[in-house]
Amino acid sequence: GKAKLVNASGIHVNVSVGGGKGVKTAVKFPQGSPA
């Protein structure tokens, strides 16, 4: 959700997913996007 900021700005979100040994995942998320 949209961040509620107090004395802050420029908050960005990155998401990664780990699937364990030998498992590859595809992440569809706008990396580095504002919350």
All heavy atoms as atom14 arrays in JSON, in Angstrom:
{
  "sequence": "GKAKLVNASGIHVNVSVGGGKGVKTAVKFPQGSPA",
  "atom14_mask": [
    [1, 1, 1, 1, 0, 0, 0, 0, 0, 0, 0, 0, 0, 0],
    [1, 1, 1, 1, 1, 1, 1, 1, 1, 0, 0, 0, 0, 0],
    [1, 1, 1, 1, 1, 0, 0, 0, 0, 0, 0, 0, 0, 0],
    [1, 1, 1, 1, 1, 1, 1, 1, 1, 0, 0, 0, 0, 0],
    [1, 1, 1, 1, 1, 1, 1, 1, 0, 0, 0, 0, 0, 0],
    [1, 1, 1, 1, 1, 1, 1, 0, 0, 0, 0, 0, 0, 0],
    [1, 1, 1, 1, 1, 1, 1, 1, 0, 0, 0, 0, 0, 0],
    [1, 1, 1, 1, 1, 0, 0, 0, 0, 0, 0, 0, 0, 0],
    [1, 1, 1, 1, 1, 1, 0, 0, 0, 0, 0, 0, 0, 0],
    [1, 1, 1, 1, 0, 0, 0, 0, 0, 0, 0, 0, 0, 0],
    [1, 1, 1, 1, 1, 1, 1, 1, 0, 0, 0, 0, 0, 0],
    [1, 1, 1, 1, 1, 1, 1, 1, 1, 1, 0, 0, 0, 0],
    [1, 1, 1, 1, 1, 1, 1, 0, 0, 0, 0, 0, 0, 0],
    [1, 1, 1, 1, 1, 1, 1, 1, 0, 0, 0, 0, 0, 0],
    [1, 1, 1, 1, 1, 1, 1, 0, 0, 0, 0, 0, 0, 0],
    [1, 1, 1, 1, 1, 1, 0, 0, 0, 0, 0, 0, 0, 0],
    [1, 1, 1, 1, 1, 1, 1, 0, 0, 0, 0, 0, 0, 0],
    [1, 1, 1, 1, 0, 0, 0, 0, 0, 0, 0, 0, 0, 0],
    [1, 1, 1, 1, 0, 0, 0, 0, 0, 0, 0, 0, 0, 0],
    [1, 1, 1, 1, 0, 0, 0, 0, 0, 0, 0, 0, 0, 0],
    [1, 1, 1, 1, 1, 1, 1, 1, 1, 0, 0, 0, 0, 0],
    [1, 1, 1, 1, 0, 0, 0, 0, 0, 0, 0, 0, 0, 0],
    [1, 1, 1, 1, 1, 1, 1, 0, 0, 0, 0, 0, 0, 0],
    [1, 1, 1, 1, 1, 1, 1, 1, 1, 0, 0, 0, 0, 0],
    [1, 1, 1, 1, 1, 1, 1, 0, 0, 0, 0, 0, 0, 0],
    [1, 1, 1, 1, 1, 0, 0, 0, 0, 0, 0, 0, 0, 0],
    [1, 1, 1, 1, 1, 1, 1, 0, 0, 0, 0, 0, 0, 0],
    [1, 1, 1, 1, 1, 1, 1, 1, 1, 0, 0, 0, 0, 0],
    [1, 1, 1, 1, 1, 1, 1, 1, 1, 1, 1, 0, 0, 0],
    [1, 1, 1, 1, 1, 1, 1, 0, 0, 0, 0, 0, 0, 0],
    [1, 1, 1, 1, 1, 1, 1, 1, 1, 0, 0, 0, 0, 0],
    [1, 1, 1, 1, 0, 0, 0, 0, 0, 0, 0, 0, 0, 0],
    [1, 1, 1, 1, 1, 1, 0, 0, 0, 0, 0, 0, 0, 0],
    [1, 1, 1, 1, 1, 1, 1, 0, 0, 0, 0, 0, 0, 0],
    [1, 1, 1, 1, 1, 0, 0, 0, 0, 0, 0, 0, 0, 0]
  ],
  "atom14_positions": [
    [[0.81, -1.21, 0.0], [0.0, 0.0, 0.0], [0.85, 1.26, 0.0], [2.06, 1.24, 0.25], [0.0, 0.0, 0.0], [0.0, 0.0, 0.0], [0.0, 0.0, 0.0], [0.0, 0.0, 0.0], [0.0, 0.0, 0.0], [0.0, 0.0, 0.0], [0.0, 0.0, 0.0], [0.0, 0.0, 0.0], [0.0, 0.0, 0.0], [0.0, 0.0, 0.0]],
    [[0.2, 2.37, -0.26], [0.87, 3.66, -0.26], [1.4, 3.96, 1.13], [0.71, 3.79, 2.13], [-0.11, 4.75, -0.7], [0.52, 6.1, -0.82], [-0.44, 7.13, -1.38], [0.26, 8.47, -1.5], [-0.61, 9.48, -2.05], [0.0, 0.0, 0.0], [0.0, 0.0, 0.0], [0.0, 0.0, 0.0], [0.0, 0.0, 0.0], [0.0, 0.0, 0.0]],
    [[2.64, 4.42, 1.2], [3.28, 4.7, 2.49], [2.77, 6.01, 3.08], [2.55, 6.99, 2.36], [4.79, 4.76, 2.32], [0.0, 0.0, 0.0], [0.0, 0.0, 0.0], [0.0, 0.0, 0.0], [0.0, 0.0, 0.0], [0.0, 0.0, 0.0], [0.0, 0.0, 0.0], [0.0, 0.0, 0.0], [0.0, 0.0, 0.0], [0.0, 0.0, 0.0]],
    [[2.58, 6.0, 4.39], [2.3, 7.23, 5.14], [3.64, 7.65, 5.73], [4.23, 6.93, 6.52], [1.27, 6.96, 6.22], [-0.08, 6.56, 5.66], [-1.04, 6.19, 6.8], [-2.29, 5.59, 6.22], [-2.28, 4.15, 6.16], [0.0, 0.0, 0.0], [0.0, 0.0, 0.0], [0.0, 0.0, 0.0], [0.0, 0.0, 0.0], [0.0, 0.0, 0.0]],
    [[4.12, 8.82, 5.32], [5.46, 9.27, 5.69], [5.41, 10.33, 6.79], [4.57, 11.22, 6.77], [6.17, 9.85, 4.47], [6.26, 8.94, 3.24], [6.89, 9.67, 2.08], [7.02, 7.67, 3.58], [0.0, 0.0, 0.0], [0.0, 0.0, 0.0], [0.0, 0.0, 0.0], [0.0, 0.0, 0.0], [0.0, 0.0, 0.0], [0.0, 0.0, 0.0]],
    [[6.34, 10.23, 7.72], [6.54, 11.23, 8.76], [8.01, 11.63, 8.7], [8.9, 10.79, 8.92], [6.19, 10.67, 10.16], [6.52, 11.69, 11.24], [4.73, 10.26, 10.23], [0.0, 0.0, 0.0], [0.0, 0.0, 0.0], [0.0, 0.0, 0.0], [0.0, 0.0, 0.0], [0.0, 0.0, 0.0], [0.0, 0.0, 0.0], [0.0, 0.0, 0.0]],
    [[8.28, 12.9, 8.36], [9.66, 13.39, 8.21], [10.48, 12.5, 7.28], [11.63, 12.19, 7.56], [10.36, 13.49, 9.58], [9.75, 14.55, 10.45], [9.26, 15.55, 9.97], [9.76, 14.3, 11.74], [0.0, 0.0, 0.0], [0.0, 0.0, 0.0], [0.0, 0.0, 0.0], [0.0, 0.0, 0.0], [0.0, 0.0, 0.0], [0.0, 0.0, 0.0]],
    [[9.88, 12.07, 6.2], [10.56, 11.17, 5.27], [10.08, 11.45, 3.85], [9.01, 12.0, 3.64], [10.28, 9.72, 5.64], [0.0, 0.0, 0.0], [0.0, 0.0, 0.0], [0.0, 0.0, 0.0], [0.0, 0.0, 0.0], [0.0, 0.0, 0.0], [0.0, 0.0, 0.0], [0.0, 0.0, 0.0], [0.0, 0.0, 0.0], [0.0, 0.0, 0.0]],
    [[10.91, 11.04, 2.88], [10.52, 11.12, 1.48], [11.37, 10.13, 0.7], [12.37, 9.61, 1.22], [10.72, 12.54, 0.92], [12.08, 12.88, 0.94], [0.0, 0.0, 0.0], [0.0, 0.0, 0.0], [0.0, 0.0, 0.0], [0.0, 0.0, 0.0], [0.0, 0.0, 0.0], [0.0, 0.0, 0.0], [0.0, 0.0, 0.0], [0.0, 0.0, 0.0]],
    [[10.97, 9.86, -0.53], [11.77, 9.0, -1.39], [11.84, 7.54, -0.99], [12.82, 6.88, -1.23], [0.0, 0.0, 0.0], [0.0, 0.0, 0.0], [0.0, 0.0, 0.0], [0.0, 0.0, 0.0], [0.0, 0.0, 0.0], [0.0, 0.0, 0.0], [0.0, 0.0, 0.0], [0.0, 0.0, 0.0], [0.0, 0.0, 0.0], [0.0, 0.0, 0.0]],
    [[10.78, 7.02, -0.37], [10.75, 5.62, 0.02], [10.45, 4.78, -1.22], [9.48, 5.03, -1.92], [9.68, 5.35, 1.1], [9.92, 6.22, 2.33], [9.6, 3.87, 1.44], [11.18, 5.89, 3.09], [0.0, 0.0, 0.0], [0.0, 0.0, 0.0], [0.0, 0.0, 0.0], [0.0, 0.0, 0.0], [0.0, 0.0, 0.0], [0.0, 0.0, 0.0]],
    [[11.29, 3.78, -1.5], [11.12, 2.9, -2.65], [11.14, 1.46, -2.18], [11.73, 1.12, -1.17], [12.22, 3.13, -3.69], [12.14, 4.47, -4.32], [11.4, 4.72, -5.45], [12.67, 5.66, -3.95], [11.5, 6.01, -5.77], [12.27, 6.6, -4.86], [0.0, 0.0, 0.0], [0.0, 0.0, 0.0], [0.0, 0.0, 0.0], [0.0, 0.0, 0.0]],
    [[10.49, 0.57, -2.98], [10.34, -0.83, -2.6], [10.96, -1.73, -3.65], [10.75, -1.53, -4.85], [8.84, -1.19, -2.45], [8.66, -2.66, -2.16], [8.2, -0.34, -1.36], [0.0, 0.0, 0.0], [0.0, 0.0, 0.0], [0.0, 0.0, 0.0], [0.0, 0.0, 0.0], [0.0, 0.0, 0.0], [0.0, 0.0, 0.0], [0.0, 0.0, 0.0]],
    [[11.74, -2.72, -3.21], [12.23, -3.8, -4.05], [11.73, -5.11, -3.46], [11.67, -5.25, -2.24], [13.76, -3.83, -4.12], [14.31, -2.7, -4.94], [13.73, -2.3, -5.93], [15.44, -2.17, -4.52], [0.0, 0.0, 0.0], [0.0, 0.0, 0.0], [0.0, 0.0, 0.0], [0.0, 0.0, 0.0], [0.0, 0.0, 0.0], [0.0, 0.0, 0.0]],
    [[11.39, -6.07, -4.31], [10.88, -7.36, -3.86], [11.69, -8.47, -4.51], [11.97, -8.43, -5.7], [9.38, -7.53, -4.23], [8.9, -8.92, -3.88], [8.55, -6.48, -3.53], [0.0, 0.0, 0.0], [0.0, 0.0, 0.0], [0.0, 0.0, 0.0], [0.0, 0.0, 0.0], [0.0, 0.0, 0.0], [0.0, 0.0, 0.0], [0.0, 0.0, 0.0]],
    [[12.07, -9.47, -3.71], [12.71, -10.66, -4.25], [12.07, -11.87, -3.6], [11.51, -11.78, -2.51], [14.21, -10.63, -3.99], [14.48, -10.66, -2.61], [0.0, 0.0, 0.0], [0.0, 0.0, 0.0], [0.0, 0.0, 0.0], [0.0, 0.0, 0.0], [0.0, 0.0, 0.0], [0.0, 0.0, 0.0], [0.0, 0.0, 0.0], [0.0, 0.0, 0.0]],
    [[12.13, -12.99, -4.28], [11.53, -14.23, -3.79], [12.56, -15.33, -3.9], [13.17, -15.51, -4.94], [10.27, -14.6, -4.62], [9.7, -15.92, -4.17], [9.23, -13.49, -4.54], [0.0, 0.0, 0.0], [0.0, 0.0, 0.0], [0.0, 0.0, 0.0], [0.0, 0.0, 0.0], [0.0, 0.0, 0.0], [0.0, 0.0, 0.0], [0.0, 0.0, 0.0]],
    [[12.75, -16.06, -2.81], [13.64, -17.21, -2.83], [12.82, -18.47, -2.82], [11.86, -18.6, -2.07], [0.0, 0.0, 0.0], [0.0, 0.0, 0.0], [0.0, 0.0, 0.0], [0.0, 0.0, 0.0], [0.0, 0.0, 0.0], [0.0, 0.0, 0.0], [0.0, 0.0, 0.0], [0.0, 0.0, 0.0], [0.0, 0.0, 0.0], [0.0, 0.0, 0.0]],
    [[13.16, -19.42, -3.67], [12.39, -20.65, -3.76], [13.13, -21.87, -3.26], [12.64, -22.97, -3.37], [0.0, 0.0, 0.0], [0.0, 0.0, 0.0], [0.0, 0.0, 0.0], [0.0, 0.0, 0.0], [0.0, 0.0, 0.0], [0.0, 0.0, 0.0], [0.0, 0.0, 0.0], [0.0, 0.0, 0.0], [0.0, 0.0, 0.0], [0.0, 0.0, 0.0]],
    [[14.32, -21.69, -2.73], [15.07, -22.85, -2.26], [16.0, -23.38, -3.34], [16.0, -22.94, -4.48], [0.0, 0.0, 0.0], [0.0, 0.0, 0.0], [0.0, 0.0, 0.0], [0.0, 0.0, 0.0], [0.0, 0.0, 0.0], [0.0, 0.0, 0.0], [0.0, 0.0, 0.0], [0.0, 0.0, 0.0], [0.0, 0.0, 0.0], [0.0, 0.0, 0.0]],
    [[16.79, -24.38, -2.98], [17.79, -24.95, -3.87], [17.16, -25.5, -5.15], [16.24, -26.31, -5.11], [18.52, -26.07, -3.14], [19.61, -26.71, -3.94], [20.3, -27.81, -3.17], [21.34, -28.48, -4.04], [21.92, -29.61, -3.34], [0.0, 0.0, 0.0], [0.0, 0.0, 0.0], [0.0, 0.0, 0.0], [0.0, 0.0, 0.0], [0.0, 0.0, 0.0]],
    [[17.64, -25.03, -6.28], [17.19, -25.55, -7.56], [15.86, -25.0, -8.06], [15.4, -25.39, -9.12], [0.0, 0.0, 0.0], [0.0, 0.0, 0.0], [0.0, 0.0, 0.0], [0.0, 0.0, 0.0], [0.0, 0.0, 0.0], [0.0, 0.0, 0.0], [0.0, 0.0, 0.0], [0.0, 0.0, 0.0], [0.0, 0.0, 0.0], [0.0, 0.0, 0.0]],
    [[15.22, -24.12, -7.3], [13.92, -23.58, -7.71], [14.11, -22.14, -8.16], [14.65, -21.32, -7.43], [12.9, -23.64, -6.55], [11.58, -23.02, -6.98], [12.7, -25.07, -6.09], [0.0, 0.0, 0.0], [0.0, 0.0, 0.0], [0.0, 0.0, 0.0], [0.0, 0.0, 0.0], [0.0, 0.0, 0.0], [0.0, 0.0, 0.0], [0.0, 0.0, 0.0]],
    [[13.7, -21.85, -9.38], [13.78, -20.49, -9.9], [12.38, -19.89, -9.85], [11.39, -20.58, -10.05], [14.3, -20.49, -11.33], [15.74, -20.95, -11.42], [16.24, -20.86, -12.83], [17.69, -21.32, -12.9], [18.23, -21.25, -14.24], [0.0, 0.0, 0.0], [0.0, 0.0, 0.0], [0.0, 0.0, 0.0], [0.0, 0.0, 0.0], [0.0, 0.0, 0.0]],
    [[12.33, -18.6, -9.58], [11.04, -17.91, -9.53], [11.05, -16.71, -10.45], [12.11, -16.18, -10.78], [10.74, -17.43, -8.09], [11.81, -16.6, -7.66], [10.57, -18.59, -7.13], [0.0, 0.0, 0.0], [0.0, 0.0, 0.0], [0.0, 0.0, 0.0], [0.0, 0.0, 0.0], [0.0, 0.0, 0.0], [0.0, 0.0, 0.0], [0.0, 0.0, 0.0]],
    [[9.87, -16.32, -10.87], [9.7, -15.11, -11.67], [8.95, -14.11, -10.82], [7.89, -14.43, -10.28], [8.92, -15.42, -12.95], [0.0, 0.0, 0.0], [0.0, 0.0, 0.0], [0.0, 0.0, 0.0], [0.0, 0.0, 0.0], [0.0, 0.0, 0.0], [0.0, 0.0, 0.0], [0.0, 0.0, 0.0], [0.0, 0.0, 0.0], [0.0, 0.0, 0.0]],
    [[9.5, -12.92, -10.67], [8.85, -11.88, -9.89], [8.4, -10.78, -10.83], [9.2, -10.24, -11.59], [9.81, -11.29, -8.82], [9.14, -10.16, -8.07], [10.26, -12.38, -7.86], [0.0, 0.0, 0.0], [0.0, 0.0, 0.0], [0.0, 0.0, 0.0], [0.0, 0.0, 0.0], [0.0, 0.0, 0.0], [0.0, 0.0, 0.0], [0.0, 0.0, 0.0]],
    [[7.13, -10.48, -10.79], [6.57, -9.41, -11.61], [6.17, -8.29, -10.65], [5.08, -8.3, -10.08], [5.38, -9.9, -12.41], [5.76, -10.98, -13.4], [4.56, -11.57, -14.09], [5.0, -12.71, -14.99], [3.9, -13.54, -15.42], [0.0, 0.0, 0.0], [0.0, 0.0, 0.0], [0.0, 0.0, 0.0], [0.0, 0.0, 0.0], [0.0, 0.0, 0.0]],
    [[7.08, -7.36, -10.42], [6.86, -6.25, -9.51], [7.71, -5.09, -10.0], [8.88, -5.29, -10.35], [7.28, -6.64, -8.09], [6.92, -5.62, -7.04], [5.67, -5.6, -6.48], [7.86, -4.68, -6.64], [5.33, -4.67, -5.52], [7.53, -3.74, -5.68], [6.27, -3.73, -5.12], [0.0, 0.0, 0.0], [0.0, 0.0, 0.0], [0.0, 0.0, 0.0]],
    [[7.17, -3.89, -10.04], [7.96, -2.75, -10.5], [9.06, -2.42, -9.5], [8.84, -1.69, -8.54], [6.93, -1.63, -10.63], [5.79, -2.03, -9.74], [5.8, -3.53, -9.68], [0.0, 0.0, 0.0], [0.0, 0.0, 0.0], [0.0, 0.0, 0.0], [0.0, 0.0, 0.0], [0.0, 0.0, 0.0], [0.0, 0.0, 0.0], [0.0, 0.0, 0.0]],
    [[10.25, -3.02, -9.67], [11.35, -2.86, -8.73], [11.76, -1.4, -8.59], [11.8, -0.65, -9.56], [12.55, -3.69, -9.18], [12.29, -5.18, -9.26], [11.99, -5.81, -7.9], [12.53, -5.42, -6.89], [11.1, -6.78, -7.88], [0.0, 0.0, 0.0], [0.0, 0.0, 0.0], [0.0, 0.0, 0.0], [0.0, 0.0, 0.0], [0.0, 0.0, 0.0]],
    [[12.06, -1.01, -7.35], [12.48, 0.36, -7.09], [11.36, 1.36, -7.18], [11.59, 2.56, -7.23], [0.0, 0.0, 0.0], [0.0, 0.0, 0.0], [0.0, 0.0, 0.0], [0.0, 0.0, 0.0], [0.0, 0.0, 0.0], [0.0, 0.0, 0.0], [0.0, 0.0, 0.0], [0.0, 0.0, 0.0], [0.0, 0.0, 0.0], [0.0, 0.0, 0.0]],
    [[10.13, 0.87, -7.2], [9.0, 1.78, -7.35], [8.66, 2.41, -6.01], [8.97, 1.87, -4.95], [7.77, 1.02, -7.86], [7.33, 0.11, -6.88], [0.0, 0.0, 0.0], [0.0, 0.0, 0.0], [0.0, 0.0, 0.0], [0.0, 0.0, 0.0], [0.0, 0.0, 0.0], [0.0, 0.0, 0.0], [0.0, 0.0, 0.0], [0.0, 0.0, 0.0]],
    [[8.03, 3.58, -6.04], [7.53, 4.14, -4.79], [6.54, 3.15, -4.18], [5.86, 2.43, -4.9], [6.83, 5.42, -5.22], [7.4, 5.75, -6.55], [7.76, 4.43, -7.19], [0.0, 0.0, 0.0], [0.0, 0.0, 0.0], [0.0, 0.0, 0.0], [0.0, 0.0, 0.0], [0.0, 0.0, 0.0], [0.0, 0.0, 0.0], [0.0, 0.0, 0.0]],
    [[6.48, 3.1, -2.86], [5.54, 2.18, -2.21], [4.14, 2.45, -2.75], [3.77, 3.58, -2.97], [5.6, 2.36, -0.71], [0.0, 0.0, 0.0], [0.0, 0.0, 0.0], [0.0, 0.0, 0.0], [0.0, 0.0, 0.0], [0.0, 0.0, 0.0], [0.0, 0.0, 0.0], [0.0, 0.0, 0.0], [0.0, 0.0, 0.0], [0.0, 0.0, 0.0]]
  ]
}
